[in-house]
Amino acid sequence: MLPVLAFLLGLPLTLASPTCAPLIPVTFDNATVTRLLGPWIYIAGASRYPPHLEELKALKHAAFSFSPSSHEDELNVIEIMRLNETCLERNTSKVLVFQHNSTLAHVDDQVFAMAKLIQSDKDLLILNHLNDDFPSLSLSARTPNVTKEQLEEFRSHLHCLGFTEEDIFFTSEKDACPLPWEKKGEGDVEPQLK
């Protein structure tokens, strides 16, 4: 009866499912911030926020690395991404860490974006992007390979937010750009600085 009711109401079945747990943000402390340091690979994302949706469609691969800055609640960020066929490197942005409300704010010269880190495996970075009333969730990991269980956890969160498989945009390791924190070999092409 429940599947028929959900179908008739036009709601995704997972929204009505009792297995949908709320997204539980991590409570920040100094250990949390330290855990964020180092390189991450962007795996997948889904968004209903129109500017993010356009970027997700163009994003083929992305990696980023957090390092300490001269300010206690601020991290430096190096981002490497392939948008369509172009590799871009950005090293001018910062992530502000608001420990009082466990929020991250990504700041560069053009954008100010807020997110909450969701409780998960220590080698995953699931971010709930705060965009008015537009749900957005992204998955990054320490390596380009995540386990079936880790991916299923992310998909479960997305489905509970009303996303379908068609709404999820995955990146591909075959589209990776050279990473500045890894040794460059002969013949590697430098990414363009944006």
N, C-alpha and C. Protein backbone atom coordinates (compact mmCIF):
# COMPACT_ATOMS: atom_id res chain seq x y z
N MET A 1 0.82 -1.20 0.00
CA MET A 1 0.00 0.00 0.00
C MET A 1 0.87 1.27 0.00
N LEU A 2 1.94 1.28 0.79
CA LEU A 2 2.81 2.46 0.87
C LEU A 2 3.42 2.80 -0.49
N PRO A 3 3.93 1.81 -1.27
CA PRO A 3 4.47 2.18 -2.58
C PRO A 3 3.41 2.79 -3.50
N VAL A 4 2.19 2.28 -3.45
CA VAL A 4 1.13 2.81 -4.29
C VAL A 4 0.80 4.23 -3.86
N LEU A 5 0.71 4.46 -2.54
CA LEU A 5 0.40 5.79 -2.02
C LEU A 5 1.49 6.79 -2.41
N ALA A 6 2.75 6.39 -2.26
CA ALA A 6 3.85 7.28 -2.63
C ALA A 6 3.81 7.58 -4.13
N PHE A 7 3.52 6.57 -4.95
CA PHE A 7 3.44 6.77 -6.38
C PHE A 7 2.29 7.72 -6.73
N LEU A 8 1.15 7.52 -6.11
CA LEU A 8 -0.01 8.35 -6.41
C LEU A 8 0.21 9.80 -5.97
N LEU A 9 0.93 9.99 -4.89
CA LEU A 9 1.21 11.35 -4.41
C LEU A 9 2.35 11.99 -5.19
N GLY A 10 3.07 11.20 -5.98
CA GLY A 10 4.17 11.74 -6.75
C GLY A 10 5.41 12.01 -5.92
N LEU A 11 5.52 11.38 -4.76
CA LEU A 11 6.67 11.59 -3.89
C LEU A 11 7.67 10.45 -4.07
N PRO A 12 8.95 10.74 -3.96
CA PRO A 12 9.90 9.65 -3.98
C PRO A 12 9.63 8.73 -2.79
N LEU A 13 9.67 7.44 -3.01
CA LEU A 13 9.39 6.48 -1.96
C LEU A 13 10.31 6.68 -0.77
N THR A 14 11.56 7.03 -1.01
CA THR A 14 12.51 7.14 0.08
C THR A 14 12.17 8.28 1.02
N LEU A 15 11.43 9.28 0.58
CA LEU A 15 11.04 10.35 1.49
C LEU A 15 10.06 9.84 2.53
N ALA A 16 9.26 8.86 2.16
CA ALA A 16 8.27 8.33 3.09
C ALA A 16 8.85 7.19 3.92
N SER A 17 10.05 6.74 3.59
CA SER A 17 10.64 5.58 4.24
C SER A 17 11.10 5.90 5.66
N PRO A 18 10.80 5.02 6.62
CA PRO A 18 11.26 5.24 7.99
C PRO A 18 12.77 5.02 8.14
N THR A 19 13.45 4.52 7.09
CA THR A 19 14.89 4.28 7.19
C THR A 19 15.71 5.54 6.94
N CYS A 20 15.07 6.64 6.60
CA CYS A 20 15.80 7.89 6.36
C CYS A 20 16.18 8.54 7.68
N ALA A 21 17.45 8.50 7.96
CA ALA A 21 17.97 9.16 9.16
C ALA A 21 18.31 10.60 8.82
N PRO A 22 18.18 11.51 9.78
CA PRO A 22 18.56 12.89 9.49
C PRO A 22 20.07 13.00 9.26
N LEU A 23 20.46 14.00 8.47
CA LEU A 23 21.88 14.28 8.28
C LEU A 23 22.42 14.85 9.59
N ILE A 24 23.38 14.17 10.19
CA ILE A 24 23.91 14.61 11.48
C ILE A 24 25.24 15.29 11.25
N PRO A 25 25.29 16.61 11.49
CA PRO A 25 26.57 17.32 11.30
C PRO A 25 27.59 16.94 12.37
N VAL A 26 28.84 17.01 11.98
CA VAL A 26 29.94 16.79 12.91
C VAL A 26 30.03 18.01 13.83
N THR A 27 30.23 17.78 15.11
CA THR A 27 30.49 18.88 16.04
C THR A 27 31.99 19.16 15.98
N PHE A 28 32.34 20.37 15.57
CA PHE A 28 33.74 20.71 15.35
C PHE A 28 34.50 20.89 16.65
N ASP A 29 35.75 20.43 16.61
CA ASP A 29 36.74 20.73 17.63
C ASP A 29 38.09 20.76 16.90
N ASN A 30 39.17 20.94 17.63
CA ASN A 30 40.48 21.03 16.98
C ASN A 30 40.84 19.75 16.24
N ALA A 31 40.42 18.60 16.76
CA ALA A 31 40.70 17.32 16.10
C ALA A 31 39.98 17.24 14.76
N THR A 32 38.77 17.79 14.69
CA THR A 32 38.01 17.77 13.43
C THR A 32 38.75 18.57 12.37
N VAL A 33 39.21 19.74 12.73
CA VAL A 33 39.91 20.59 11.77
C VAL A 33 41.19 19.91 11.30
N THR A 34 41.93 19.28 12.20
CA THR A 34 43.15 18.57 11.84
C THR A 34 42.83 17.43 10.87
N ARG A 35 41.72 16.75 11.07
CA ARG A 35 41.32 15.63 10.21
C ARG A 35 41.04 16.08 8.78
N LEU A 36 40.66 17.35 8.61
CA LEU A 36 40.37 17.87 7.27
C LEU A 36 41.62 18.13 6.44
N LEU A 37 42.77 18.31 7.10
CA LEU A 37 43.99 18.68 6.40
C LEU A 37 44.44 17.60 5.42
N GLY A 38 45.04 18.05 4.32
CA GLY A 38 45.57 17.13 3.33
C GLY A 38 44.69 17.03 2.10
N PRO A 39 45.07 16.13 1.19
CA PRO A 39 44.37 16.03 -0.10
C PRO A 39 43.06 15.23 -0.03
N TRP A 40 42.12 15.63 -0.89
CA TRP A 40 40.82 14.98 -1.05
C TRP A 40 40.51 14.88 -2.53
N ILE A 41 39.78 13.85 -2.91
CA ILE A 41 39.31 13.67 -4.28
C ILE A 41 37.79 13.81 -4.27
N TYR A 42 37.29 14.68 -5.12
CA TYR A 42 35.84 14.86 -5.24
C TYR A 42 35.29 13.67 -6.03
N ILE A 43 34.32 12.97 -5.46
CA ILE A 43 33.78 11.76 -6.08
C ILE A 43 32.45 12.02 -6.79
N ALA A 44 31.52 12.67 -6.08
CA ALA A 44 30.17 12.83 -6.65
C ALA A 44 29.43 13.95 -5.93
N GLY A 45 28.37 14.41 -6.56
CA GLY A 45 27.53 15.43 -5.96
C GLY A 45 26.16 15.47 -6.61
N ALA A 46 25.23 16.08 -5.90
CA ALA A 46 23.89 16.30 -6.43
C ALA A 46 23.40 17.61 -5.84
N SER A 47 22.66 18.36 -6.62
CA SER A 47 22.18 19.67 -6.15
C SER A 47 20.92 20.07 -6.89
N ARG A 48 20.09 20.82 -6.20
CA ARG A 48 18.93 21.45 -6.83
C ARG A 48 19.19 22.96 -7.00
N TYR A 49 20.35 23.44 -6.53
CA TYR A 49 20.70 24.85 -6.62
C TYR A 49 21.22 25.10 -8.05
N PRO A 50 20.53 25.91 -8.85
CA PRO A 50 20.88 26.04 -10.28
C PRO A 50 22.35 26.33 -10.59
N PRO A 51 23.04 27.26 -9.89
CA PRO A 51 24.46 27.46 -10.23
C PRO A 51 25.32 26.22 -9.97
N HIS A 52 25.04 25.50 -8.88
CA HIS A 52 25.81 24.29 -8.59
C HIS A 52 25.50 23.20 -9.60
N LEU A 53 24.25 23.09 -10.00
CA LEU A 53 23.85 22.08 -10.97
C LEU A 53 24.59 22.26 -12.29
N GLU A 54 24.73 23.50 -12.74
CA GLU A 54 25.48 23.76 -13.98
C GLU A 54 26.95 23.37 -13.83
N GLU A 55 27.54 23.68 -12.68
CA GLU A 55 28.94 23.31 -12.47
C GLU A 55 29.10 21.80 -12.41
N LEU A 56 28.16 21.10 -11.75
CA LEU A 56 28.23 19.64 -11.67
C LEU A 56 28.20 19.00 -13.05
N LYS A 57 27.42 19.57 -13.95
CA LYS A 57 27.32 19.03 -15.31
C LYS A 57 28.64 19.17 -16.05
N ALA A 58 29.38 20.23 -15.78
CA ALA A 58 30.65 20.49 -16.48
C ALA A 58 31.86 19.84 -15.79
N LEU A 59 31.73 19.49 -14.51
CA LEU A 59 32.85 18.98 -13.72
C LEU A 59 33.15 17.53 -14.09
N LYS A 60 34.36 17.29 -14.58
CA LYS A 60 34.77 15.94 -14.97
C LYS A 60 35.62 15.28 -13.89
N HIS A 61 36.40 16.09 -13.17
CA HIS A 61 37.24 15.59 -12.07
C HIS A 61 37.61 16.78 -11.20
N ALA A 62 37.81 16.52 -9.92
CA ALA A 62 38.27 17.58 -9.02
C ALA A 62 39.03 16.96 -7.85
N ALA A 63 40.01 17.70 -7.40
CA ALA A 63 40.77 17.34 -6.20
C ALA A 63 41.10 18.63 -5.49
N PHE A 64 41.25 18.53 -4.19
CA PHE A 64 41.60 19.72 -3.42
C PHE A 64 42.40 19.30 -2.21
N SER A 65 43.11 20.25 -1.65
CA SER A 65 43.92 19.98 -0.48
C SER A 65 43.80 21.15 0.49
N PHE A 66 43.56 20.81 1.75
CA PHE A 66 43.49 21.81 2.82
C PHE A 66 44.82 21.84 3.54
N SER A 67 45.29 23.05 3.86
CA SER A 67 46.50 23.21 4.68
C SER A 67 46.24 24.33 5.68
N PRO A 68 46.98 24.32 6.79
CA PRO A 68 46.77 25.36 7.80
C PRO A 68 47.12 26.74 7.23
N SER A 69 46.43 27.74 7.72
CA SER A 69 46.78 29.11 7.34
C SER A 69 47.36 29.80 8.57
N SER A 70 47.62 31.07 8.45
CA SER A 70 48.16 31.82 9.58
C SER A 70 47.09 32.15 10.62
N HIS A 71 45.83 31.90 10.28
CA HIS A 71 44.71 32.15 11.21
C HIS A 71 44.17 30.82 11.71
N GLU A 72 43.86 30.75 12.99
CA GLU A 72 43.44 29.50 13.63
C GLU A 72 42.22 28.85 12.99
N ASP A 73 41.23 29.65 12.64
CA ASP A 73 39.98 29.10 12.10
C ASP A 73 39.86 29.32 10.60
N GLU A 74 40.99 29.14 9.91
CA GLU A 74 41.01 29.33 8.47
C GLU A 74 41.95 28.30 7.85
N LEU A 75 41.53 27.73 6.73
CA LEU A 75 42.36 26.77 6.01
C LEU A 75 42.63 27.31 4.61
N ASN A 76 43.86 27.10 4.14
CA ASN A 76 44.17 27.40 2.74
C ASN A 76 43.68 26.24 1.89
N VAL A 77 43.29 26.53 0.66
CA VAL A 77 42.79 25.49 -0.23
C VAL A 77 43.47 25.61 -1.59
N ILE A 78 43.93 24.49 -2.10
CA ILE A 78 44.37 24.38 -3.48
C ILE A 78 43.34 23.48 -4.15
N GLU A 79 42.78 23.96 -5.25
CA GLU A 79 41.78 23.19 -5.98
C GLU A 79 42.28 22.94 -7.40
N ILE A 80 42.14 21.72 -7.85
CA ILE A 80 42.46 21.34 -9.22
C ILE A 80 41.21 20.68 -9.79
N MET A 81 40.75 21.18 -10.93
CA MET A 81 39.54 20.57 -11.50
C MET A 81 39.59 20.61 -13.01
N ARG A 82 38.88 19.66 -13.58
CA ARG A 82 38.68 19.66 -15.03
C ARG A 82 37.21 20.01 -15.25
N LEU A 83 37.01 21.19 -15.85
CA LEU A 83 35.68 21.61 -16.27
C LEU A 83 35.62 21.41 -17.77
N ASN A 84 34.76 20.52 -18.19
CA ASN A 84 34.71 20.07 -19.58
C ASN A 84 36.10 19.57 -19.97
N GLU A 85 36.81 20.26 -20.85
CA GLU A 85 38.12 19.78 -21.30
C GLU A 85 39.29 20.58 -20.73
N THR A 86 39.02 21.51 -19.83
CA THR A 86 40.06 22.42 -19.34
C THR A 86 40.42 22.15 -17.88
N CYS A 87 41.72 22.00 -17.61
CA CYS A 87 42.20 21.86 -16.23
C CYS A 87 42.41 23.25 -15.65
N LEU A 88 41.89 23.45 -14.46
CA LEU A 88 42.04 24.72 -13.76
C LEU A 88 42.63 24.49 -12.39
N GLU A 89 43.48 25.41 -11.96
CA GLU A 89 44.02 25.36 -10.61
C GLU A 89 43.68 26.66 -9.92
N ARG A 90 43.13 26.54 -8.72
CA ARG A 90 42.85 27.73 -7.90
C ARG A 90 43.55 27.54 -6.56
N ASN A 91 44.35 28.50 -6.21
CA ASN A 91 45.01 28.44 -4.90
C ASN A 91 44.83 29.74 -4.14
N THR A 92 43.77 30.46 -4.47
CA THR A 92 43.53 31.74 -3.82
C THR A 92 42.35 31.70 -2.84
N SER A 93 41.74 30.53 -2.70
CA SER A 93 40.56 30.49 -1.84
C SER A 93 40.92 30.02 -0.43
N LYS A 94 40.00 30.24 0.47
CA LYS A 94 40.14 29.87 1.88
C LYS A 94 38.87 29.14 2.31
N VAL A 95 39.01 28.35 3.36
CA VAL A 95 37.84 27.79 4.03
C VAL A 95 37.88 28.31 5.46
N LEU A 96 36.81 29.01 5.81
CA LEU A 96 36.67 29.50 7.18
C LEU A 96 35.97 28.42 7.99
N VAL A 97 36.48 28.17 9.20
CA VAL A 97 35.93 27.14 10.07
C VAL A 97 35.24 27.83 11.23
N PHE A 98 33.92 27.68 11.30
CA PHE A 98 33.13 28.26 12.39
C PHE A 98 32.82 27.15 13.39
N GLN A 99 33.66 27.04 14.42
CA GLN A 99 33.50 25.95 15.38
C GLN A 99 32.23 26.10 16.20
N HIS A 100 31.76 27.33 16.44
CA HIS A 100 30.58 27.54 17.29
C HIS A 100 29.31 26.94 16.69
N ASN A 101 29.24 26.86 15.34
CA ASN A 101 28.05 26.24 14.73
C ASN A 101 28.43 25.13 13.74
N SER A 102 29.68 24.66 13.83
CA SER A 102 30.16 23.53 13.02
C SER A 102 29.88 23.72 11.53
N THR A 103 30.24 24.88 11.03
CA THR A 103 30.00 25.22 9.63
C THR A 103 31.32 25.58 8.95
N LEU A 104 31.42 25.22 7.68
CA LEU A 104 32.55 25.60 6.85
C LEU A 104 32.06 26.62 5.83
N ALA A 105 32.89 27.61 5.53
CA ALA A 105 32.55 28.59 4.50
C ALA A 105 33.72 28.66 3.52
N HIS A 106 33.45 28.35 2.27
CA HIS A 106 34.45 28.41 1.21
C HIS A 106 34.39 29.81 0.61
N VAL A 107 35.53 30.51 0.64
CA VAL A 107 35.56 31.89 0.21
C VAL A 107 36.66 32.05 -0.85
N ASP A 108 36.27 32.58 -1.98
CA ASP A 108 37.28 33.03 -2.95
C ASP A 108 36.81 34.38 -3.48
N ASP A 109 37.47 34.89 -4.48
CA ASP A 109 37.15 36.24 -4.94
C ASP A 109 35.76 36.35 -5.57
N GLN A 110 35.13 35.25 -5.92
CA GLN A 110 33.84 35.31 -6.59
C GLN A 110 32.69 34.68 -5.80
N VAL A 111 32.99 33.77 -4.87
CA VAL A 111 31.94 32.97 -4.27
C VAL A 111 32.12 32.85 -2.75
N PHE A 112 31.00 32.82 -2.05
CA PHE A 112 30.97 32.52 -0.62
C PHE A 112 29.95 31.40 -0.45
N ALA A 113 30.42 30.20 -0.11
CA ALA A 113 29.53 29.04 0.00
C ALA A 113 29.68 28.40 1.37
N MET A 114 28.55 28.06 1.98
CA MET A 114 28.55 27.46 3.32
C MET A 114 28.17 25.98 3.24
N ALA A 115 28.72 25.18 4.17
CA ALA A 115 28.40 23.75 4.21
C ALA A 115 28.58 23.22 5.62
N LYS A 116 27.89 22.13 5.89
CA LYS A 116 28.07 21.39 7.14
C LYS A 116 28.69 20.05 6.79
N LEU A 117 29.68 19.63 7.59
CA LEU A 117 30.31 18.33 7.44
C LEU A 117 29.41 17.30 8.12
N ILE A 118 29.03 16.26 7.38
CA ILE A 118 28.12 15.24 7.89
C ILE A 118 28.92 14.08 8.49
N GLN A 119 28.43 13.55 9.61
CA GLN A 119 29.11 12.43 10.26
C GLN A 119 29.19 11.25 9.31
N SER A 120 30.42 10.69 9.21
CA SER A 120 30.65 9.59 8.29
C SER A 120 32.02 8.99 8.61
N ASP A 121 32.44 8.09 7.74
CA ASP A 121 33.75 7.48 7.81
C ASP A 121 34.83 8.56 7.81
N LYS A 122 35.93 8.33 8.55
CA LYS A 122 36.99 9.34 8.65
C LYS A 122 37.67 9.65 7.32
N ASP A 123 37.56 8.74 6.36
CA ASP A 123 38.19 8.96 5.06
C ASP A 123 37.22 9.53 4.03
N LEU A 124 36.03 9.95 4.49
CA LEU A 124 35.04 10.57 3.62
C LEU A 124 34.78 11.99 4.06
N LEU A 125 34.41 12.80 3.12
CA LEU A 125 34.01 14.17 3.39
C LEU A 125 32.65 14.35 2.72
N ILE A 126 31.58 14.17 3.50
CA ILE A 126 30.23 14.39 2.98
C ILE A 126 29.81 15.77 3.45
N LEU A 127 29.57 16.65 2.49
CA LEU A 127 29.20 18.03 2.81
C LEU A 127 27.76 18.30 2.41
N ASN A 128 27.02 18.86 3.35
CA ASN A 128 25.66 19.33 3.09
C ASN A 128 25.78 20.82 2.80
N HIS A 129 25.68 21.19 1.53
CA HIS A 129 25.86 22.58 1.12
C HIS A 129 24.59 23.36 1.43
N LEU A 130 24.76 24.51 2.07
CA LEU A 130 23.63 25.31 2.55
C LEU A 130 23.30 26.39 1.52
N ASN A 131 22.28 26.14 0.72
CA ASN A 131 21.88 27.05 -0.36
C ASN A 131 20.39 27.33 -0.26
N ASP A 132 20.01 28.22 0.62
CA ASP A 132 18.60 28.55 0.82
C ASP A 132 17.81 27.26 1.01
N ASP A 133 16.83 27.02 0.18
CA ASP A 133 16.02 25.81 0.30
C ASP A 133 16.33 24.79 -0.78
N PHE A 134 17.54 24.85 -1.34
CA PHE A 134 17.95 23.92 -2.39
C PHE A 134 18.87 22.86 -1.78
N PRO A 135 18.43 21.60 -1.71
CA PRO A 135 19.33 20.58 -1.17
C PRO A 135 20.53 20.35 -2.08
N SER A 136 21.69 20.18 -1.48
CA SER A 136 22.94 19.90 -2.21
C SER A 136 23.83 19.08 -1.30
N LEU A 137 24.38 18.01 -1.83
CA LEU A 137 25.25 17.13 -1.06
C LEU A 137 26.40 16.71 -1.95
N SER A 138 27.61 16.65 -1.37
CA SER A 138 28.77 16.20 -2.14
C SER A 138 29.55 15.16 -1.35
N LEU A 139 30.27 14.32 -2.08
CA LEU A 139 31.09 13.27 -1.49
C LEU A 139 32.51 13.41 -2.01
N SER A 140 33.45 13.50 -1.08
CA SER A 140 34.87 13.48 -1.40
C SER A 140 35.51 12.41 -0.53
N ALA A 141 36.67 11.93 -0.97
CA ALA A 141 37.36 10.87 -0.22
C ALA A 141 38.86 11.07 -0.31
N ARG A 142 39.56 10.38 0.56
CA ARG A 142 41.02 10.47 0.56
C ARG A 142 41.64 9.83 -0.68
N THR A 143 40.94 8.87 -1.26
CA THR A 143 41.42 8.20 -2.47
C THR A 143 40.32 8.25 -3.52
N PRO A 144 40.65 8.00 -4.78
CA PRO A 144 39.61 8.03 -5.82
C PRO A 144 38.66 6.84 -5.75
N ASN A 145 38.99 5.86 -4.92
CA ASN A 145 38.16 4.66 -4.82
C ASN A 145 37.45 4.63 -3.47
N VAL A 146 36.14 4.51 -3.51
CA VAL A 146 35.37 4.35 -2.28
C VAL A 146 34.76 2.95 -2.29
N THR A 147 34.46 2.46 -1.10
CA THR A 147 33.87 1.13 -1.01
C THR A 147 32.40 1.19 -1.41
N LYS A 148 31.87 0.03 -1.69
CA LYS A 148 30.45 -0.08 -2.02
C LYS A 148 29.60 0.45 -0.86
N GLU A 149 30.01 0.14 0.36
CA GLU A 149 29.28 0.59 1.55
C GLU A 149 29.33 2.12 1.70
N GLN A 150 30.49 2.71 1.44
CA GLN A 150 30.62 4.16 1.53
C GLN A 150 29.75 4.85 0.49
N LEU A 151 29.75 4.32 -0.72
CA LEU A 151 28.93 4.90 -1.78
C LEU A 151 27.45 4.71 -1.48
N GLU A 152 27.10 3.58 -0.91
CA GLU A 152 25.70 3.33 -0.56
C GLU A 152 25.24 4.29 0.54
N GLU A 153 26.12 4.60 1.50
CA GLU A 153 25.78 5.58 2.54
C GLU A 153 25.45 6.94 1.91
N PHE A 154 26.28 7.37 0.97
CA PHE A 154 26.06 8.65 0.29
C PHE A 154 24.76 8.63 -0.50
N ARG A 155 24.56 7.56 -1.26
CA ARG A 155 23.32 7.43 -2.04
C ARG A 155 22.09 7.45 -1.14
N SER A 156 22.18 6.81 0.00
CA SER A 156 21.07 6.78 0.94
C SER A 156 20.72 8.19 1.42
N HIS A 157 21.75 8.97 1.75
CA HIS A 157 21.52 10.37 2.15
C HIS A 157 20.84 11.14 1.02
N LEU A 158 21.34 10.95 -0.20
CA LEU A 158 20.76 11.66 -1.34
C LEU A 158 19.30 11.27 -1.57
N HIS A 159 19.03 9.99 -1.52
CA HIS A 159 17.66 9.53 -1.74
C HIS A 159 16.73 10.07 -0.67
N CYS A 160 17.20 10.19 0.55
CA CYS A 160 16.37 10.74 1.62
C CYS A 160 16.08 12.23 1.40
N LEU A 161 16.95 12.89 0.64
CA LEU A 161 16.72 14.29 0.29
C LEU A 161 15.88 14.44 -0.97
N GLY A 162 15.46 13.31 -1.54
CA GLY A 162 14.60 13.34 -2.71
C GLY A 162 15.32 13.25 -4.05
N PHE A 163 16.63 12.98 -4.03
CA PHE A 163 17.38 12.83 -5.28
C PHE A 163 17.23 11.42 -5.83
N THR A 164 17.29 11.29 -7.15
CA THR A 164 17.28 10.00 -7.81
C THR A 164 18.68 9.72 -8.33
N GLU A 165 18.90 8.52 -8.84
CA GLU A 165 20.20 8.17 -9.43
C GLU A 165 20.57 9.12 -10.56
N GLU A 166 19.57 9.56 -11.32
CA GLU A 166 19.82 10.46 -12.45
C GLU A 166 20.30 11.84 -11.99
N ASP A 167 20.06 12.19 -10.74
CA ASP A 167 20.46 13.50 -10.21
C ASP A 167 21.92 13.52 -9.73
N ILE A 168 22.55 12.35 -9.64
CA ILE A 168 23.90 12.25 -9.09
C ILE A 168 24.92 12.38 -10.22
N PHE A 169 25.88 13.28 -10.03
CA PHE A 169 26.95 13.49 -11.00
C PHE A 169 28.25 12.95 -10.41
N PHE A 170 28.85 11.99 -11.10
CA PHE A 170 30.11 11.39 -10.66
C PHE A 170 31.26 11.94 -11.49
N THR A 171 32.41 12.06 -10.85
CA THR A 171 33.62 12.43 -11.59
C THR A 171 34.34 11.15 -11.99
N SER A 172 35.33 11.28 -12.85
CA SER A 172 36.07 10.12 -13.33
C SER A 172 37.56 10.34 -13.17
N GLU A 173 38.22 9.35 -12.62
CA GLU A 173 39.67 9.43 -12.42
C GLU A 173 40.40 9.54 -13.76
N LYS A 174 39.81 9.04 -14.83
CA LYS A 174 40.46 9.13 -16.15
C LYS A 174 40.56 10.58 -16.63
N ASP A 175 39.76 11.47 -16.04
CA ASP A 175 39.79 12.89 -16.40
C ASP A 175 40.62 13.73 -15.44
N ALA A 176 41.39 13.08 -14.59
CA ALA A 176 42.17 13.80 -13.58
C ALA A 176 43.22 14.71 -14.21
N CYS A 177 43.41 15.86 -13.60
CA CYS A 177 44.48 16.78 -13.98
C CYS A 177 45.69 16.49 -13.10
N PRO A 178 46.89 16.89 -13.50
CA PRO A 178 48.06 16.73 -12.63
C PRO A 178 47.85 17.47 -11.31
N LEU A 179 48.21 16.84 -10.21
CA LEU A 179 48.02 17.44 -8.89
C LEU A 179 49.32 18.08 -8.40
N PRO A 180 49.27 19.32 -7.96
CA PRO A 180 50.50 20.02 -7.57
C PRO A 180 51.17 19.42 -6.33
N TRP A 181 50.42 18.70 -5.51
CA TRP A 181 51.02 18.13 -4.30
C TRP A 181 51.61 16.75 -4.58
N GLU A 182 51.50 16.28 -5.83
CA GLU A 182 52.16 15.04 -6.23
C GLU A 182 53.30 15.40 -7.17
N LYS A 183 54.35 14.60 -7.15
CA LYS A 183 55.51 14.85 -8.00
C LYS A 183 55.10 14.79 -9.47
N LYS A 184 55.56 15.77 -10.22
CA LYS A 184 55.28 15.82 -11.65
C LYS A 184 56.35 15.05 -12.41
N GLY A 185 55.90 14.28 -13.38
CA GLY A 185 56.83 13.55 -14.23
C GLY A 185 57.07 14.32 -15.52
N GLU A 186 57.98 13.83 -16.32
CA GLU A 186 58.25 14.47 -17.62
C GLU A 186 57.02 14.39 -18.50
N GLY A 187 56.74 15.47 -19.17
CA GLY A 187 55.62 15.50 -20.11
C GLY A 187 54.29 15.89 -19.49
N ASP A 188 54.23 16.04 -18.16
CA ASP A 188 52.97 16.46 -17.53
C ASP A 188 52.65 17.90 -17.94
N VAL A 189 51.41 18.16 -18.16
CA VAL A 189 50.96 19.49 -18.55
C VAL A 189 50.55 20.25 -17.30
N GLU A 190 51.03 21.46 -17.18
CA GLU A 190 50.65 22.29 -16.03
C GLU A 190 49.20 22.76 -16.19
N PRO A 191 48.41 22.70 -15.10
CA PRO A 191 47.06 23.24 -15.19
C PRO A 191 47.09 24.75 -15.30
N GLN A 192 46.03 25.32 -15.88
CA GLN A 192 45.93 26.77 -16.01
C GLN A 192 45.52 27.37 -14.68
N LEU A 193 46.15 28.47 -14.30
CA LEU A 193 45.80 29.16 -13.08
C LEU A 193 44.62 30.07 -13.35
N LYS A 194 43.60 29.94 -12.53
CA LYS A 194 42.41 30.77 -12.73
C LYS A 194 42.39 31.89 -11.72
